[in-house]
């Protein structure tokens, strides 16, 4: 959120890269209301913070 920004909505591009910065996997997240992991996730996964969920999403493929 940026105070005074005309359009407070935005996209987040999350990228997994190799050590030499080669992009391996990415996904685009719209933010609020969009699930990072599917609803079939176990109860253990629901306790993860946003970073853990993003990591699991990038490792799915």
C-alpha atoms as a PDB file:
ATOM      1  CA  UNK A   1       0.000   0.000   0.000  1.00  0.00           C
ATOM      2  CA  UNK A   2       1.335   3.398  -0.961  1.00  0.00           C
ATOM      3  CA  UNK A   3      -0.389   6.380   0.654  1.00  0.00           C
ATOM      4  CA  UNK A   4      -1.698   8.788  -1.963  1.00  0.00           C
ATOM      5  CA  UNK A   5      -1.294   6.344  -4.841  1.00  0.00           C
ATOM      6  CA  UNK A   6      -4.076   6.869  -7.370  1.00  0.00           C
ATOM      7  CA  UNK A   7      -4.732   3.163  -7.878  1.00  0.00           C
ATOM      8  CA  UNK A   8      -3.991   1.226  -4.655  1.00  0.00           C
ATOM      9  CA  UNK A   9      -4.397  -2.135  -6.408  1.00  0.00           C
ATOM     10  CA  UNK A  10      -1.421  -3.897  -7.881  1.00  0.00           C
ATOM     11  CA  UNK A  11       0.118  -7.163  -8.993  1.00  0.00           C
ATOM     12  CA  UNK A  12       2.938  -9.105  -7.398  1.00  0.00           C
ATOM     13  CA  UNK A  13       5.221 -11.179  -9.600  1.00  0.00           C
ATOM     14  CA  UNK A  14       6.864 -13.911  -7.520  1.00  0.00           C
ATOM     15  CA  UNK A  15       9.853 -15.630  -9.120  1.00  0.00           C
ATOM     16  CA  UNK A  16      12.034 -18.616  -8.211  1.00  0.00           C
ATOM     17  CA  UNK A  17      15.491 -18.274  -9.748  1.00  0.00           C
ATOM     18  CA  UNK A  18      18.643 -20.339 -10.103  1.00  0.00           C
ATOM     19  CA  UNK A  19      21.814 -19.090  -8.343  1.00  0.00           C
ATOM     20  CA  UNK A  20      22.860 -17.378 -11.600  1.00  0.00           C
ATOM     21  CA  UNK A  21      19.533 -15.420 -11.670  1.00  0.00           C
ATOM     22  CA  UNK A  22      17.958 -17.552 -14.392  1.00  0.00           C
ATOM     23  CA  UNK A  23      14.156 -17.526 -13.810  1.00  0.00           C
ATOM     24  CA  UNK A  24      12.888 -21.062 -13.218  1.00  0.00           C
ATOM     25  CA  UNK A  25       9.266 -20.577 -12.164  1.00  0.00           C
ATOM     26  CA  UNK A  26       6.984 -17.613 -11.546  1.00  0.00           C
ATOM     27  CA  UNK A  27       3.403 -16.707 -10.833  1.00  0.00           C
ATOM     28  CA  UNK A  28       1.468 -13.484 -10.670  1.00  0.00           C
ATOM     29  CA  UNK A  29      -0.570 -12.737  -7.567  1.00  0.00           C
ATOM     30  CA  UNK A  30      -3.283 -10.111  -7.483  1.00  0.00           C
ATOM     31  CA  UNK A  31      -3.185  -9.825  -3.708  1.00  0.00           C
ATOM     32  CA  UNK A  32      -6.259  -9.668  -1.500  1.00  0.00           C
ATOM     33  CA  UNK A  33      -8.748 -12.467  -1.982  1.00  0.00           C
ATOM     34  CA  UNK A  34      -6.566 -14.623  -4.217  1.00  0.00           C
ATOM     35  CA  UNK A  35      -5.392 -17.930  -2.777  1.00  0.00           C
ATOM     36  CA  UNK A  36      -1.718 -18.799  -3.085  1.00  0.00           C
ATOM     37  CA  UNK A  37      -2.288 -22.488  -2.339  1.00  0.00           C
ATOM     38  CA  UNK A  38      -5.378 -24.460  -3.377  1.00  0.00           C
ATOM     39  CA  UNK A  39      -8.117 -25.227  -0.847  1.00  0.00           C
ATOM     40  CA  UNK A  40      -7.098 -28.881  -0.620  1.00  0.00           C
ATOM     41  CA  UNK A  41      -4.023 -27.962   1.449  1.00  0.00           C
ATOM     42  CA  UNK A  42      -3.471 -29.829   4.725  1.00  0.00           C
ATOM     43  CA  UNK A  43      -4.058 -28.210   8.111  1.00  0.00           C
ATOM     44  CA  UNK A  44      -0.283 -28.027   8.650  1.00  0.00           C
ATOM     45  CA  UNK A  45       0.067 -25.854   5.563  1.00  0.00           C
ATOM     46  CA  UNK A  46      -2.562 -23.399   6.768  1.00  0.00           C
ATOM     47  CA  UNK A  47      -0.199 -22.356   9.583  1.00  0.00           C
ATOM     48  CA  UNK A  48       2.458 -21.145   7.119  1.00  0.00           C
ATOM     49  CA  UNK A  49       3.049 -17.453   6.612  1.00  0.00           C
ATOM     50  CA  UNK A  50       2.968 -15.829   3.178  1.00  0.00           C
ATOM     51  CA  UNK A  51       6.629 -16.647   2.470  1.00  0.00           C
ATOM     52  CA  UNK A  52       6.141 -20.351   3.157  1.00  0.00           C
ATOM     53  CA  UNK A  53       3.037 -20.493   0.987  1.00  0.00           C
ATOM     54  CA  UNK A  54       4.805 -18.734  -1.890  1.00  0.00           C
ATOM     55  CA  UNK A  55       7.738 -21.151  -1.638  1.00  0.00           C
ATOM     56  CA  UNK A  56       5.438 -24.181  -1.774  1.00  0.00           C
ATOM     57  CA  UNK A  57       3.542 -22.704  -4.733  1.00  0.00           C
ATOM     58  CA  UNK A  58       6.756 -22.143  -6.676  1.00  0.00           C
ATOM     59  CA  UNK A  59       7.940 -25.693  -5.921  1.00  0.00           C
ATOM     60  CA  UNK A  60       4.694 -27.325  -7.167  1.00  0.00           C
ATOM     61  CA  UNK A  61       5.840 -27.580 -10.788  1.00  0.00           C
END
